[in-house]
Amino acid sequence: EAFGEYQPEGMGGSMRIIRFGYDAAVSILTVGGADHTCTFDTDSAQLGGKGVIRYADKGANSCRMTIAPDGHDVMVVQTKNCSDYCGMRAIIDGRYKRMN
């Protein structure tokens, strides 16, 4: 679908995905321990096959993110070098379940 909103399992927050053409806009807010947060926004993520979304900052040690479907109502987020988007006790990685 063109728009989806997901909630991370085991923590507060949300992820919104808007697909347009070969790109996607992604907005993620997670709330971890001691109310530390992660915030991530982009409108330049690339859509791949089978619903996979990929994002990479510029540079050698840049943030890289993959968002992939796992079943009908779940998206799995995996990151590398993305800690700059997060407070000390918050993470972006995990399973996100579709909100109705």
Protein backbone atom coordinates (compact mmCIF):
# COMPACT_ATOMS: atom_id res chain seq x y z
CA GLU A 1 0.00 0.00 0.00
CA ALA A 2 1.07 3.60 -0.53
CA PHE A 3 0.82 4.47 3.19
CA GLY A 4 1.39 2.40 6.30
CA GLU A 5 1.73 3.17 9.99
CA TYR A 6 3.46 0.71 12.31
CA GLN A 7 4.14 0.46 16.05
CA PRO A 8 7.43 -0.96 17.37
CA GLU A 9 7.09 -4.12 19.44
CA GLY A 10 8.25 -3.76 23.04
CA MET A 11 8.64 0.03 23.03
CA GLY A 12 6.69 3.20 22.35
CA GLY A 13 6.63 5.18 19.14
CA SER A 14 5.64 4.73 15.51
CA MET A 15 6.94 4.32 11.97
CA ARG A 16 5.21 5.86 8.96
CA ILE A 17 5.99 4.84 5.39
CA ILE A 18 4.74 6.64 2.29
CA ARG A 19 5.62 5.08 -1.07
CA PHE A 20 5.80 7.17 -4.24
CA GLY A 21 7.30 5.89 -7.48
CA TYR A 22 10.65 4.22 -6.79
CA ASP A 23 11.17 6.13 -3.53
CA ALA A 24 9.68 6.18 -0.06
CA ALA A 25 9.40 8.64 2.78
CA VAL A 26 10.07 7.10 6.19
CA SER A 27 9.48 8.68 9.59
CA ILE A 28 10.44 6.76 12.75
CA LEU A 29 10.07 7.74 16.40
CA THR A 30 10.89 5.21 19.12
CA VAL A 31 10.86 5.64 22.89
CA GLY A 32 13.22 3.41 24.87
CA GLY A 33 14.41 3.13 28.47
CA ALA A 34 14.29 6.27 30.64
CA ASP A 35 12.21 7.88 27.86
CA HIS A 36 15.23 8.22 25.56
CA THR A 37 14.15 8.55 21.92
CA CYS A 38 15.22 7.91 18.35
CA THR A 39 13.99 10.16 15.57
CA PHE A 40 14.65 9.45 11.91
CA ASP A 41 13.11 11.08 8.84
CA THR A 42 13.88 10.83 5.14
CA ASP A 43 12.07 11.28 1.88
CA SER A 44 14.82 9.64 -0.17
CA ALA A 45 14.70 5.94 0.73
CA GLN A 46 14.80 3.54 -2.21
CA LEU A 47 12.15 0.91 -2.86
CA GLY A 48 13.43 -2.50 -3.84
CA GLY A 49 11.86 -5.79 -4.76
CA LYS A 50 9.40 -7.57 -2.45
CA GLY A 51 8.58 -4.39 -0.52
CA VAL A 52 12.09 -3.81 0.86
CA ILE A 53 13.07 -0.20 1.59
CA ARG A 54 16.74 0.84 1.82
CA TYR A 55 18.35 4.06 3.02
CA ALA A 56 22.00 5.10 3.24
CA ASP A 57 23.60 8.40 4.31
CA LYS A 58 26.61 9.62 2.36
CA GLY A 59 30.10 8.80 3.69
CA ALA A 60 32.25 5.84 4.72
CA ASN A 61 30.71 5.20 8.16
CA SER A 62 27.23 6.31 7.19
CA CYS A 63 23.91 5.18 8.59
CA ARG A 64 22.40 2.32 6.59
CA MET A 65 18.88 1.07 7.12
CA THR A 66 16.85 -1.78 5.68
CA ILE A 67 13.11 -2.11 6.24
CA ALA A 68 11.71 -5.44 5.08
CA PRO A 69 8.29 -7.08 5.32
CA ASP A 70 7.95 -10.16 7.53
CA GLY A 71 4.50 -11.50 6.84
CA HIS A 72 1.43 -9.41 6.12
CA ASP A 73 1.40 -6.89 8.99
CA VAL A 74 5.02 -6.71 10.22
CA MET A 75 8.06 -4.75 9.03
CA VAL A 76 11.56 -5.49 10.36
CA VAL A 77 14.02 -2.60 10.67
CA GLN A 78 17.77 -3.28 10.70
CA THR A 79 20.36 -0.51 10.94
CA LYS A 80 24.12 -0.07 10.89
CA ASN A 81 25.91 3.05 12.18
CA CYS A 82 22.65 4.89 12.97
CA SER A 83 23.22 5.64 16.66
CA ASP A 84 23.45 9.41 15.94
CA TYR A 85 19.66 9.37 15.51
CA CYS A 86 19.12 7.95 19.02
CA GLY A 87 19.46 8.77 22.68
CA MET A 88 21.48 6.54 24.98
CA ARG A 89 18.78 3.94 25.78
CA ALA A 90 16.79 3.98 22.54
CA ILE A 91 17.04 1.93 19.34
CA ILE A 92 15.46 1.91 15.90
CA ASP A 93 16.07 -1.78 15.12
CA GLY A 94 13.23 -4.20 15.68
CA ARG A 95 9.87 -5.48 14.56
CA TYR A 96 7.07 -3.04 13.80
CA LYS A 97 3.44 -4.19 13.67
CA ARG A 98 0.93 -2.48 11.37
CA MET A 99 -1.56 -0.23 13.15
CA ASN A 100 -5.19 -0.30 12.00
